[in-house]
Amino acid sequence: MQFHLEDMTCGGCARTVTKTIQMIDPNAKIVTDPPTRRVEVQTSASQEQIAAALSEAGFPPRAQ
């Protein structure tokens, strides 16, 4: 699944996004790209779970 995170603007943001997703699924494969503000996630968690966690962390997503 892919998300567009308008507020992910730097490497620090990307690390926070990665840690947030890993709290839901420690085995998730995560690719962040701050310049395009996209994150790609391969996980067993639902899209809704990931989106809710990202929103709570301050990175409300738009699904891609």
C-alpha atoms as a PDB file:
ATOM      1  CA  MET A   1       0.000   0.000   0.000  1.00  0.00           C
ATOM      2  CA  GLN A   2       1.131   3.564  -0.621  1.00  0.00           C
ATOM      3  CA  PHE A   3       0.374   6.789   1.167  1.00  0.00           C
ATOM      4  CA  HIS A   4       1.044  10.439   0.448  1.00  0.00           C
ATOM      5  CA  LEU A   5       2.129  12.216   3.651  1.00  0.00           C
ATOM      6  CA  GLU A   6       2.044  15.948   3.031  1.00  0.00           C
ATOM      7  CA  ASP A   7       3.764  16.613   6.378  1.00  0.00           C
ATOM      8  CA  MET A   8       6.712  14.215   5.828  1.00  0.00           C
ATOM      9  CA  THR A   9       9.328  16.714   4.701  1.00  0.00           C
ATOM     10  CA  CYS A  10      12.677  15.416   6.018  1.00  0.00           C
ATOM     11  CA  GLY A  11      14.647  12.399   7.161  1.00  0.00           C
ATOM     12  CA  GLY A  12      13.545  12.927  10.760  1.00  0.00           C
ATOM     13  CA  CYS A  13       9.925  12.788   9.654  1.00  0.00           C
ATOM     14  CA  ALA A  14      10.654   9.630   7.679  1.00  0.00           C
ATOM     15  CA  ARG A  15      12.194   7.981  10.755  1.00  0.00           C
ATOM     16  CA  THR A  16       9.121   8.862  12.820  1.00  0.00           C
ATOM     17  CA  VAL A  17       6.840   7.445  10.114  1.00  0.00           C
ATOM     18  CA  THR A  18       8.916   4.238   9.983  1.00  0.00           C
ATOM     19  CA  LYS A  19       8.857   3.796  13.768  1.00  0.00           C
ATOM     20  CA  THR A  20       5.115   4.467  13.875  1.00  0.00           C
ATOM     21  CA  ILE A  21       4.417   1.757  11.292  1.00  0.00           C
ATOM     22  CA  GLN A  22       6.802  -0.672  13.018  1.00  0.00           C
ATOM     23  CA  MET A  23       4.845  -0.270  16.257  1.00  0.00           C
ATOM     24  CA  ILE A  24       1.836  -1.742  14.414  1.00  0.00           C
ATOM     25  CA  ASP A  25       3.821  -4.380  12.489  1.00  0.00           C
ATOM     26  CA  PRO A  26       7.488  -4.900  13.453  1.00  0.00           C
ATOM     27  CA  ASN A  27       8.014  -6.971  10.286  1.00  0.00           C
ATOM     28  CA  ALA A  28       6.639  -4.366   7.879  1.00  0.00           C
ATOM     29  CA  LYS A  29       8.762  -3.410   4.878  1.00  0.00           C
ATOM     30  CA  ILE A  30       8.751   0.374   4.605  1.00  0.00           C
ATOM     31  CA  VAL A  31      10.152   2.664   1.914  1.00  0.00           C
ATOM     32  CA  THR A  32       9.957   6.398   2.628  1.00  0.00           C
ATOM     33  CA  ASP A  33      10.712   9.157   0.140  1.00  0.00           C
ATOM     34  CA  PRO A  34      10.560  12.603   1.791  1.00  0.00           C
ATOM     35  CA  PRO A  35      11.131  14.620  -1.436  1.00  0.00           C
ATOM     36  CA  THR A  36       7.951  13.158  -2.974  1.00  0.00           C
ATOM     37  CA  ARG A  37       6.281  12.698   0.444  1.00  0.00           C
ATOM     38  CA  ARG A  38       5.391   9.104  -0.331  1.00  0.00           C
ATOM     39  CA  VAL A  39       5.663   6.003   1.807  1.00  0.00           C
ATOM     40  CA  GLU A  40       5.225   2.451   0.555  1.00  0.00           C
ATOM     41  CA  VAL A  41       4.381  -0.235   3.081  1.00  0.00           C
ATOM     42  CA  GLN A  42       4.253  -4.017   2.805  1.00  0.00           C
ATOM     43  CA  THR A  43       2.497  -5.232   5.928  1.00  0.00           C
ATOM     44  CA  SER A  44      -0.010  -7.708   7.292  1.00  0.00           C
ATOM     45  CA  ALA A  45      -1.804  -4.817   9.040  1.00  0.00           C
ATOM     46  CA  SER A  46      -4.817  -3.213   7.409  1.00  0.00           C
ATOM     47  CA  GLN A  47      -4.605   0.060   5.533  1.00  0.00           C
ATOM     48  CA  GLU A  48      -6.981   1.540   8.110  1.00  0.00           C
ATOM     49  CA  GLN A  49      -4.684   0.538  11.005  1.00  0.00           C
ATOM     50  CA  ILE A  50      -1.650   2.117   9.357  1.00  0.00           C
ATOM     51  CA  ALA A  51      -3.554   5.272   8.390  1.00  0.00           C
ATOM     52  CA  ALA A  52      -4.900   5.691  11.930  1.00  0.00           C
ATOM     53  CA  ALA A  53      -1.429   5.284  13.463  1.00  0.00           C
ATOM     54  CA  LEU A  54       0.092   7.773  11.005  1.00  0.00           C
ATOM     55  CA  SER A  55      -2.666  10.298  11.703  1.00  0.00           C
ATOM     56  CA  GLU A  56      -2.136   9.933  15.455  1.00  0.00           C
ATOM     57  CA  ALA A  57       1.607  10.524  14.948  1.00  0.00           C
ATOM     58  CA  GLY A  58       0.886  13.792  13.104  1.00  0.00           C
ATOM     59  CA  PHE A  59       1.188  12.511   9.536  1.00  0.00           C
ATOM     60  CA  PRO A  60      -2.382  12.233   8.206  1.00  0.00           C
ATOM     61  CA  PRO A  61      -2.147  10.204   4.976  1.00  0.00           C
ATOM     62  CA  ARG A  62      -3.864  10.249   1.648  1.00  0.00           C
ATOM     63  CA  ALA A  63      -4.064   6.750   0.141  1.00  0.00           C
ATOM     64  CA  GLN A  64      -2.382   6.334  -3.231  1.00  0.00           C
END
